Amino acid sequence: MSSSVTPLFLFKSTMSLSKYDTQTLIDEIRDTKNFIKSLLDTIDQPQAIAHCRETASPVGDLARAGDNYSRNSFADITAQVSENETHLENLRQELRRRHPWTRESEALAIKGGWNVFAVDGDPCRLEIQRVDDAETFTCDQEAVEYVKNWAQAGSPVCKLALLQVI
């Protein structure tokens, strides 16, 4: 086995994203985000490797499967992070393609004092934020909590908004 980390979730990338159902896309996004976080944790906290070995988490599995996980260089790990971030963005784009944020969705959200906005103008980085002019919420976090609560209560537009920012 090579000294680079083998991502656990990229095996699905050989399957066309169009064949995923929505829940599978959501699960894959969450798994990939967690995997990226675990990779970043190994860079920032070498002791995370030992913890992962003990708990049999994905990084622990990688540690046991390879020669020695801790031998992976910073460059190897960052390359894996980059590959998984690309995979993550592809998953998000597919989810947004299937469940687009429409003008009607936006109009309902704005009426409620919030909307889905591109962070720093980047359409790939979306956040729920308050509409400042509406003065419905005192901060963005309050708007996010509102959307989460209403999504949980069954609001279709709030559920759709959460799909945009996953």
N, C-alpha and C. Protein backbone atom coordinates (compact mmCIF):
# COMPACT_ATOMS: atom_id res chain seq x y z
N MET A 1 0.85 -1.18 0.00
CA MET A 1 0.00 0.00 0.00
C MET A 1 0.89 1.23 0.00
N SER A 2 0.50 2.25 -0.73
CA SER A 2 1.28 3.48 -0.77
C SER A 2 1.16 4.21 0.56
N SER A 3 2.01 5.21 0.73
CA SER A 3 2.01 5.93 1.99
C SER A 3 0.91 6.98 2.06
N SER A 4 0.14 7.16 1.00
CA SER A 4 -0.91 8.17 1.05
C SER A 4 -2.17 7.60 1.69
N VAL A 5 -2.99 8.47 2.18
CA VAL A 5 -4.24 8.08 2.82
C VAL A 5 -5.26 7.75 1.74
N THR A 6 -5.96 6.64 1.90
CA THR A 6 -7.01 6.29 0.96
C THR A 6 -8.34 6.77 1.52
N PRO A 7 -9.00 7.70 0.84
CA PRO A 7 -10.26 8.20 1.37
C PRO A 7 -11.32 7.10 1.40
N LEU A 8 -12.10 7.07 2.46
CA LEU A 8 -13.12 6.05 2.59
C LEU A 8 -14.32 6.31 1.72
N PHE A 9 -14.60 7.55 1.42
CA PHE A 9 -15.86 7.88 0.79
C PHE A 9 -15.75 8.09 -0.71
N LEU A 10 -14.56 8.17 -1.26
CA LEU A 10 -14.44 8.40 -2.69
C LEU A 10 -14.81 7.18 -3.52
N PHE A 11 -14.93 6.01 -2.88
CA PHE A 11 -15.29 4.83 -3.67
C PHE A 11 -16.65 5.02 -4.34
N LYS A 12 -17.52 5.80 -3.75
CA LYS A 12 -18.83 6.05 -4.34
C LYS A 12 -18.74 6.98 -5.54
N SER A 13 -17.65 7.72 -5.65
CA SER A 13 -17.57 8.71 -6.72
C SER A 13 -17.51 8.07 -8.10
N THR A 14 -17.24 6.77 -8.16
CA THR A 14 -17.24 6.08 -9.44
C THR A 14 -18.67 5.87 -9.93
N MET A 15 -19.61 5.92 -9.03
CA MET A 15 -21.02 5.80 -9.38
C MET A 15 -21.54 7.18 -9.76
N SER A 16 -22.28 7.28 -10.80
CA SER A 16 -22.83 8.56 -11.24
C SER A 16 -23.69 9.16 -10.14
N LEU A 17 -23.46 10.44 -9.85
CA LEU A 17 -24.22 11.11 -8.80
C LEU A 17 -25.71 11.15 -9.13
N SER A 18 -26.04 11.08 -10.39
CA SER A 18 -27.46 11.11 -10.77
C SER A 18 -28.20 9.86 -10.28
N LYS A 19 -27.47 8.81 -9.94
CA LYS A 19 -28.10 7.58 -9.46
C LYS A 19 -28.36 7.62 -7.95
N TYR A 20 -27.81 8.61 -7.26
CA TYR A 20 -28.03 8.74 -5.82
C TYR A 20 -29.45 9.25 -5.58
N ASP A 21 -30.10 8.75 -4.54
CA ASP A 21 -31.32 9.41 -4.12
C ASP A 21 -30.92 10.57 -3.20
N THR A 22 -31.86 11.43 -2.90
CA THR A 22 -31.54 12.64 -2.13
C THR A 22 -30.94 12.29 -0.77
N GLN A 23 -31.51 11.33 -0.07
CA GLN A 23 -30.99 10.98 1.26
C GLN A 23 -29.56 10.45 1.17
N THR A 24 -29.26 9.67 0.14
CA THR A 24 -27.90 9.17 -0.04
C THR A 24 -26.94 10.32 -0.28
N LEU A 25 -27.34 11.31 -1.06
CA LEU A 25 -26.50 12.50 -1.27
C LEU A 25 -26.24 13.21 0.05
N ILE A 26 -27.29 13.40 0.83
CA ILE A 26 -27.14 14.07 2.12
C ILE A 26 -26.20 13.28 3.02
N ASP A 27 -26.39 11.97 3.10
CA ASP A 27 -25.52 11.13 3.93
C ASP A 27 -24.07 11.19 3.46
N GLU A 28 -23.88 11.14 2.14
CA GLU A 28 -22.54 11.19 1.57
C GLU A 28 -21.87 12.54 1.88
N ILE A 29 -22.64 13.61 1.82
CA ILE A 29 -22.10 14.93 2.15
C ILE A 29 -21.65 14.95 3.60
N ARG A 30 -22.49 14.47 4.50
CA ARG A 30 -22.12 14.45 5.93
C ARG A 30 -20.90 13.56 6.17
N ASP A 31 -20.88 12.39 5.56
CA ASP A 31 -19.74 11.48 5.74
C ASP A 31 -18.44 12.11 5.22
N THR A 32 -18.53 12.75 4.06
CA THR A 32 -17.35 13.36 3.47
C THR A 32 -16.87 14.53 4.32
N LYS A 33 -17.80 15.34 4.83
CA LYS A 33 -17.42 16.44 5.71
C LYS A 33 -16.72 15.91 6.97
N ASN A 34 -17.26 14.84 7.54
CA ASN A 34 -16.63 14.24 8.72
C ASN A 34 -15.26 13.68 8.40
N PHE A 35 -15.13 13.06 7.24
CA PHE A 35 -13.83 12.50 6.85
C PHE A 35 -12.80 13.61 6.67
N ILE A 36 -13.19 14.71 6.03
CA ILE A 36 -12.28 15.85 5.87
C ILE A 36 -11.86 16.36 7.23
N LYS A 37 -12.83 16.49 8.14
CA LYS A 37 -12.51 16.96 9.48
C LYS A 37 -11.51 16.02 10.16
N SER A 38 -11.71 14.71 10.01
CA SER A 38 -10.78 13.76 10.64
C SER A 38 -9.38 13.89 10.05
N LEU A 39 -9.30 14.14 8.74
CA LEU A 39 -7.98 14.35 8.13
C LEU A 39 -7.32 15.61 8.69
N LEU A 40 -8.10 16.68 8.79
CA LEU A 40 -7.55 17.93 9.32
C LEU A 40 -7.15 17.78 10.78
N ASP A 41 -7.90 16.98 11.53
CA ASP A 41 -7.54 16.73 12.92
C ASP A 41 -6.20 16.04 13.04
N THR A 42 -5.87 15.15 12.09
CA THR A 42 -4.58 14.46 12.17
C THR A 42 -3.43 15.41 11.91
N ILE A 43 -3.68 16.48 11.15
CA ILE A 43 -2.65 17.48 10.92
C ILE A 43 -2.45 18.32 12.17
N ASP A 44 -3.58 18.74 12.75
CA ASP A 44 -3.52 19.64 13.89
C ASP A 44 -3.23 18.92 15.20
N GLN A 45 -3.66 17.68 15.31
CA GLN A 45 -3.54 16.96 16.57
C GLN A 45 -3.06 15.54 16.32
N PRO A 46 -1.77 15.30 16.34
CA PRO A 46 -1.27 13.94 16.08
C PRO A 46 -1.85 12.89 17.03
N GLN A 47 -2.21 13.31 18.24
CA GLN A 47 -2.77 12.35 19.19
C GLN A 47 -4.13 11.82 18.73
N ALA A 48 -4.75 12.49 17.76
CA ALA A 48 -6.04 12.02 17.23
C ALA A 48 -5.89 10.65 16.59
N ILE A 49 -4.72 10.36 16.05
CA ILE A 49 -4.48 9.05 15.43
C ILE A 49 -4.65 7.94 16.44
N ALA A 50 -4.04 8.09 17.60
CA ALA A 50 -4.15 7.07 18.64
C ALA A 50 -5.60 6.91 19.09
N HIS A 51 -6.28 8.03 19.25
CA HIS A 51 -7.69 7.99 19.65
C HIS A 51 -8.52 7.25 18.61
N CYS A 52 -8.27 7.51 17.34
CA CYS A 52 -9.04 6.87 16.27
C CYS A 52 -8.77 5.37 16.21
N ARG A 53 -7.54 4.98 16.50
CA ARG A 53 -7.22 3.54 16.52
C ARG A 53 -8.04 2.85 17.61
N GLU A 54 -8.16 3.51 18.77
CA GLU A 54 -8.88 2.93 19.89
C GLU A 54 -10.38 2.86 19.62
N THR A 55 -10.92 3.86 18.95
CA THR A 55 -12.37 3.93 18.75
C THR A 55 -12.82 3.30 17.44
N ALA A 56 -11.89 2.83 16.64
CA ALA A 56 -12.19 2.20 15.35
C ALA A 56 -12.95 3.14 14.42
N SER A 57 -12.62 4.41 14.49
CA SER A 57 -13.23 5.37 13.57
C SER A 57 -12.53 5.28 12.22
N PRO A 58 -13.04 5.98 11.20
CA PRO A 58 -12.44 5.86 9.86
C PRO A 58 -10.94 6.12 9.84
N VAL A 59 -10.48 7.13 10.56
CA VAL A 59 -9.04 7.40 10.57
C VAL A 59 -8.30 6.24 11.21
N GLY A 60 -8.90 5.64 12.23
CA GLY A 60 -8.29 4.48 12.87
C GLY A 60 -8.17 3.31 11.91
N ASP A 61 -9.23 3.11 11.11
CA ASP A 61 -9.19 2.05 10.10
C ASP A 61 -8.05 2.29 9.12
N LEU A 62 -7.89 3.54 8.71
CA LEU A 62 -6.81 3.89 7.80
C LEU A 62 -5.46 3.64 8.46
N ALA A 63 -5.36 3.95 9.73
CA ALA A 63 -4.09 3.78 10.44
C ALA A 63 -3.70 2.31 10.48
N ARG A 64 -4.69 1.45 10.73
CA ARG A 64 -4.39 0.01 10.78
C ARG A 64 -4.12 -0.55 9.39
N ALA A 65 -4.79 -0.02 8.38
CA ALA A 65 -4.68 -0.58 7.03
C ALA A 65 -3.37 -0.23 6.36
N GLY A 66 -2.83 0.91 6.67
CA GLY A 66 -1.61 1.37 6.01
C GLY A 66 -0.37 0.94 6.75
N ASP A 67 0.80 1.31 6.21
CA ASP A 67 2.06 1.01 6.89
C ASP A 67 2.08 1.65 8.26
N ASN A 68 1.93 2.94 8.26
CA ASN A 68 1.86 3.69 9.52
C ASN A 68 1.26 5.03 9.19
N TYR A 69 0.04 5.23 9.63
CA TYR A 69 -0.70 6.44 9.27
C TYR A 69 0.07 7.70 9.61
N SER A 70 0.77 7.68 10.72
CA SER A 70 1.49 8.88 11.14
C SER A 70 2.65 9.22 10.22
N ARG A 71 3.04 8.29 9.34
CA ARG A 71 4.12 8.58 8.39
C ARG A 71 3.65 9.42 7.20
N ASN A 72 2.34 9.52 7.04
CA ASN A 72 1.83 10.32 5.94
C ASN A 72 2.28 11.76 6.12
N SER A 73 2.80 12.29 5.08
CA SER A 73 3.29 13.66 5.15
C SER A 73 2.14 14.64 5.12
N PHE A 74 2.42 15.83 5.52
CA PHE A 74 1.45 16.91 5.47
C PHE A 74 0.90 17.04 4.05
N ALA A 75 1.76 16.92 3.07
CA ALA A 75 1.34 17.06 1.67
C ALA A 75 0.36 15.95 1.28
N ASP A 76 0.60 14.72 1.73
CA ASP A 76 -0.30 13.61 1.42
C ASP A 76 -1.69 13.86 2.01
N ILE A 77 -1.71 14.30 3.25
CA ILE A 77 -2.99 14.53 3.91
C ILE A 77 -3.72 15.70 3.27
N THR A 78 -3.01 16.78 2.98
CA THR A 78 -3.68 17.93 2.36
C THR A 78 -4.18 17.58 0.96
N ALA A 79 -3.48 16.71 0.26
CA ALA A 79 -3.95 16.26 -1.06
C ALA A 79 -5.26 15.50 -0.92
N GLN A 80 -5.35 14.66 0.11
CA GLN A 80 -6.58 13.92 0.35
C GLN A 80 -7.72 14.85 0.75
N VAL A 81 -7.40 15.87 1.54
CA VAL A 81 -8.41 16.85 1.91
C VAL A 81 -8.93 17.53 0.64
N SER A 82 -8.03 17.92 -0.22
CA SER A 82 -8.41 18.59 -1.46
C SER A 82 -9.30 17.70 -2.32
N GLU A 83 -8.93 16.44 -2.49
CA GLU A 83 -9.73 15.51 -3.29
C GLU A 83 -11.13 15.34 -2.70
N ASN A 84 -11.19 15.22 -1.38
CA ASN A 84 -12.49 15.04 -0.73
C ASN A 84 -13.32 16.31 -0.77
N GLU A 85 -12.67 17.47 -0.72
CA GLU A 85 -13.42 18.73 -0.84
C GLU A 85 -14.03 18.86 -2.24
N THR A 86 -13.31 18.39 -3.26
CA THR A 86 -13.85 18.39 -4.62
C THR A 86 -15.05 17.46 -4.70
N HIS A 87 -14.92 16.28 -4.13
CA HIS A 87 -16.02 15.32 -4.08
C HIS A 87 -17.22 15.93 -3.34
N LEU A 88 -16.96 16.58 -2.24
CA LEU A 88 -18.00 17.22 -1.45
C LEU A 88 -18.73 18.28 -2.27
N GLU A 89 -18.00 19.10 -2.98
CA GLU A 89 -18.63 20.14 -3.79
C GLU A 89 -19.45 19.54 -4.92
N ASN A 90 -18.98 18.45 -5.53
CA ASN A 90 -19.76 17.77 -6.57
C ASN A 90 -21.08 17.25 -6.02
N LEU A 91 -21.03 16.70 -4.80
CA LEU A 91 -22.24 16.21 -4.16
C LEU A 91 -23.21 17.36 -3.90
N ARG A 92 -22.69 18.46 -3.37
CA ARG A 92 -23.53 19.63 -3.09
C ARG A 92 -24.17 20.17 -4.37
N GLN A 93 -23.40 20.24 -5.44
CA GLN A 93 -23.94 20.74 -6.70
C GLN A 93 -25.06 19.85 -7.22
N GLU A 94 -24.90 18.55 -7.10
CA GLU A 94 -25.95 17.63 -7.53
C GLU A 94 -27.21 17.82 -6.69
N LEU A 95 -27.05 17.96 -5.39
CA LEU A 95 -28.18 18.17 -4.51
C LEU A 95 -28.90 19.47 -4.86
N ARG A 96 -28.14 20.53 -5.11
CA ARG A 96 -28.74 21.82 -5.47
C ARG A 96 -29.39 21.77 -6.86
N ARG A 97 -28.83 20.96 -7.75
CA ARG A 97 -29.43 20.82 -9.08
C ARG A 97 -30.82 20.19 -8.96
N ARG A 98 -30.92 19.19 -8.10
CA ARG A 98 -32.20 18.50 -7.92
C ARG A 98 -33.21 19.31 -7.13
N HIS A 99 -32.71 20.09 -6.19
CA HIS A 99 -33.59 20.86 -5.30
C HIS A 99 -33.17 22.32 -5.35
N PRO A 100 -33.44 22.99 -6.46
CA PRO A 100 -32.94 24.37 -6.63
C PRO A 100 -33.65 25.38 -5.74
N TRP A 101 -32.90 26.39 -5.38
CA TRP A 101 -33.44 27.54 -4.64
C TRP A 101 -34.03 28.47 -5.69
N THR A 102 -35.34 28.48 -5.79
CA THR A 102 -36.02 29.21 -6.85
C THR A 102 -36.35 30.64 -6.42
N ARG A 103 -36.82 31.42 -7.38
CA ARG A 103 -37.27 32.79 -7.06
C ARG A 103 -38.45 32.76 -6.10
N GLU A 104 -39.29 31.76 -6.24
CA GLU A 104 -40.44 31.62 -5.34
C GLU A 104 -39.95 31.31 -3.92
N SER A 105 -38.95 30.43 -3.82
CA SER A 105 -38.37 30.09 -2.51
C SER A 105 -37.76 31.34 -1.88
N GLU A 106 -37.01 32.06 -2.71
CA GLU A 106 -36.36 33.28 -2.23
C GLU A 106 -37.39 34.30 -1.76
N ALA A 107 -38.47 34.47 -2.51
CA ALA A 107 -39.50 35.45 -2.13
C ALA A 107 -40.13 35.09 -0.78
N LEU A 108 -40.39 33.80 -0.56
CA LEU A 108 -40.95 33.36 0.72
C LEU A 108 -39.96 33.60 1.86
N ALA A 109 -38.71 33.30 1.60
CA ALA A 109 -37.68 33.48 2.63
C ALA A 109 -37.54 34.97 2.99
N ILE A 110 -37.46 35.81 1.98
CA ILE A 110 -37.29 37.25 2.22
C ILE A 110 -38.49 37.80 3.00
N LYS A 111 -39.66 37.32 2.65
CA LYS A 111 -40.86 37.74 3.38
C LYS A 111 -40.74 37.38 4.86
N GLY A 112 -40.05 36.29 5.15
CA GLY A 112 -39.82 35.85 6.53
C GLY A 112 -38.62 36.52 7.19
N GLY A 113 -37.88 37.34 6.44
CA GLY A 113 -36.76 38.08 7.03
C GLY A 113 -35.41 37.40 6.92
N TRP A 114 -35.31 36.38 6.09
CA TRP A 114 -34.05 35.66 5.91
C TRP A 114 -33.93 35.24 4.45
N ASN A 115 -32.75 34.73 4.07
CA ASN A 115 -32.56 34.21 2.72
C ASN A 115 -31.30 33.35 2.71
N VAL A 116 -31.08 32.68 1.59
CA VAL A 116 -29.85 31.93 1.35
C VAL A 116 -28.95 32.84 0.53
N PHE A 117 -27.76 33.13 1.06
CA PHE A 117 -26.83 34.06 0.42
C PHE A 117 -25.52 33.37 0.08
N ALA A 118 -24.88 33.82 -0.98
CA ALA A 118 -23.54 33.36 -1.33
C ALA A 118 -22.54 34.10 -0.45
N VAL A 119 -21.65 33.36 0.19
CA VAL A 119 -20.64 33.94 1.07
C VAL A 119 -19.56 34.59 0.21
N ASP A 120 -19.30 35.84 0.46
CA ASP A 120 -18.30 36.60 -0.31
C ASP A 120 -18.51 36.48 -1.81
N GLY A 121 -19.78 36.36 -2.23
CA GLY A 121 -20.11 36.28 -3.64
C GLY A 121 -19.80 34.94 -4.29
N ASP A 122 -19.38 33.94 -3.50
CA ASP A 122 -19.03 32.62 -4.02
C ASP A 122 -20.29 31.74 -4.05
N PRO A 123 -20.81 31.41 -5.24
CA PRO A 123 -22.05 30.62 -5.32
C PRO A 123 -21.91 29.20 -4.79
N CYS A 124 -20.70 28.75 -4.55
CA CYS A 124 -20.49 27.41 -3.99
C CYS A 124 -20.55 27.42 -2.46
N ARG A 125 -20.41 28.58 -1.87
CA ARG A 125 -20.45 28.70 -0.40
C ARG A 125 -21.71 29.48 -0.02
N LEU A 126 -22.72 28.76 0.41
CA LEU A 126 -24.00 29.37 0.73
C LEU A 126 -24.27 29.32 2.22
N GLU A 127 -24.94 30.36 2.72
CA GLU A 127 -25.33 30.44 4.13
C GLU A 127 -26.73 31.01 4.24
N ILE A 128 -27.40 30.62 5.30
CA ILE A 128 -28.65 31.26 5.66
C ILE A 128 -28.27 32.49 6.49
N GLN A 129 -28.81 33.62 6.10
CA GLN A 129 -28.54 34.86 6.83
C GLN A 129 -29.82 35.66 6.94
N ARG A 130 -29.83 36.59 7.84
CA ARG A 130 -30.98 37.48 7.98
C ARG A 130 -30.96 38.49 6.84
N VAL A 131 -32.12 39.00 6.50
CA VAL A 131 -32.21 40.11 5.55
C VAL A 131 -32.13 41.37 6.42
N ASP A 132 -31.04 42.10 6.29
CA ASP A 132 -30.79 43.24 7.18
C ASP A 132 -31.91 44.26 7.18
N ASP A 133 -32.44 44.58 6.01
CA ASP A 133 -33.48 45.60 5.91
C ASP A 133 -34.79 45.19 6.60
N ALA A 134 -35.01 43.90 6.71
CA ALA A 134 -36.26 43.41 7.29
C ALA A 134 -36.31 43.61 8.80
N GLU A 135 -35.19 43.60 9.44
CA GLU A 135 -35.09 43.76 10.90
C GLU A 135 -35.93 42.73 11.67
N THR A 136 -36.13 41.56 11.06
CA THR A 136 -36.88 40.49 11.71
C THR A 136 -36.02 39.79 12.76
N PHE A 137 -34.75 39.64 12.45
CA PHE A 137 -33.82 38.95 13.34
C PHE A 137 -32.71 39.90 13.75
N THR A 138 -32.16 39.68 14.95
CA THR A 138 -31.08 40.55 15.41
C THR A 138 -29.73 40.13 14.87
N CYS A 139 -29.62 38.86 14.45
CA CYS A 139 -28.34 38.36 13.91
C CYS A 139 -28.61 37.19 12.98
N ASP A 140 -27.58 36.81 12.23
CA ASP A 140 -27.71 35.69 11.28
C ASP A 140 -28.01 34.38 12.00
N GLN A 141 -27.38 34.16 13.15
CA GLN A 141 -27.58 32.90 13.87
C GLN A 141 -29.05 32.74 14.29
N GLU A 142 -29.68 33.83 14.63
CA GLU A 142 -31.10 33.79 14.98
C GLU A 142 -31.93 33.34 13.77
N ALA A 143 -31.58 33.84 12.59
CA ALA A 143 -32.27 33.43 11.36
C ALA A 143 -32.04 31.95 11.08
N VAL A 144 -30.81 31.48 11.28
CA VAL A 144 -30.49 30.07 11.05
C VAL A 144 -31.32 29.19 11.99
N GLU A 145 -31.39 29.54 13.26
CA GLU A 145 -32.17 28.76 14.23
C GLU A 145 -33.65 28.74 13.85
N TYR A 146 -34.16 29.88 13.40
CA TYR A 146 -35.54 29.97 12.95
C TYR A 146 -35.78 28.97 11.80
N VAL A 147 -34.90 28.99 10.81
CA VAL A 147 -35.05 28.10 9.65
C VAL A 147 -34.96 26.64 10.08
N LYS A 148 -34.02 26.31 10.95
CA LYS A 148 -33.89 24.92 11.43
C LYS A 148 -35.17 24.47 12.15
N ASN A 149 -35.67 25.32 13.02
CA ASN A 149 -36.87 24.97 13.78
C ASN A 149 -38.07 24.77 12.87
N TRP A 150 -38.26 25.66 11.89
CA TRP A 150 -39.39 25.54 10.99
C TRP A 150 -39.21 24.36 10.01
N ALA A 151 -37.99 24.06 9.65
CA ALA A 151 -37.75 22.88 8.81
C ALA A 151 -38.15 21.62 9.56
N GLN A 152 -37.78 21.59 10.83
CA GLN A 152 -38.13 20.44 11.66
C GLN A 152 -39.65 20.32 11.82
N ALA A 153 -40.32 21.46 11.81
CA ALA A 153 -41.78 21.47 11.93
C ALA A 153 -42.47 21.15 10.60
N GLY A 154 -41.68 21.06 9.51
CA GLY A 154 -42.24 20.64 8.24
C GLY A 154 -42.32 21.70 7.15
N SER A 155 -41.79 22.89 7.37
CA SER A 155 -41.84 23.94 6.36
C SER A 155 -41.04 23.55 5.12
N PRO A 156 -41.69 23.43 3.96
CA PRO A 156 -40.96 23.04 2.74
C PRO A 156 -39.86 24.03 2.36
N VAL A 157 -40.11 25.33 2.47
CA VAL A 157 -39.10 26.30 2.07
C VAL A 157 -37.91 26.27 3.04
N CYS A 158 -38.16 26.02 4.31
CA CYS A 158 -37.06 25.93 5.28
C CYS A 158 -36.25 24.65 5.06
N LYS A 159 -36.93 23.55 4.74
CA LYS A 159 -36.23 22.30 4.42
C LYS A 159 -35.34 22.50 3.18
N LEU A 160 -35.90 23.16 2.19
CA LEU A 160 -35.14 23.43 0.96
C LEU A 160 -33.92 24.30 1.25
N ALA A 161 -34.09 25.29 2.10
CA ALA A 161 -32.96 26.17 2.45
C ALA A 161 -31.84 25.38 3.10
N LEU A 162 -32.19 24.45 3.98
CA LEU A 162 -31.16 23.64 4.65
C LEU A 162 -30.43 22.75 3.65
N LEU A 163 -31.13 22.29 2.62
CA LEU A 163 -30.47 21.50 1.59
C LEU A 163 -29.44 22.34 0.83
N GLN A 164 -29.68 23.64 0.71
CA GLN A 164 -28.76 24.52 -0.03
C GLN A 164 -27.45 24.73 0.74
N VAL A 165 -27.52 24.71 2.06
CA VAL A 165 -26.34 25.07 2.86
C VAL A 165 -25.65 23.88 3.52
N ILE A 166 -26.10 22.68 3.21
CA ILE A 166 -25.53 21.49 3.85
C ILE A 166 -24.04 21.38 3.59
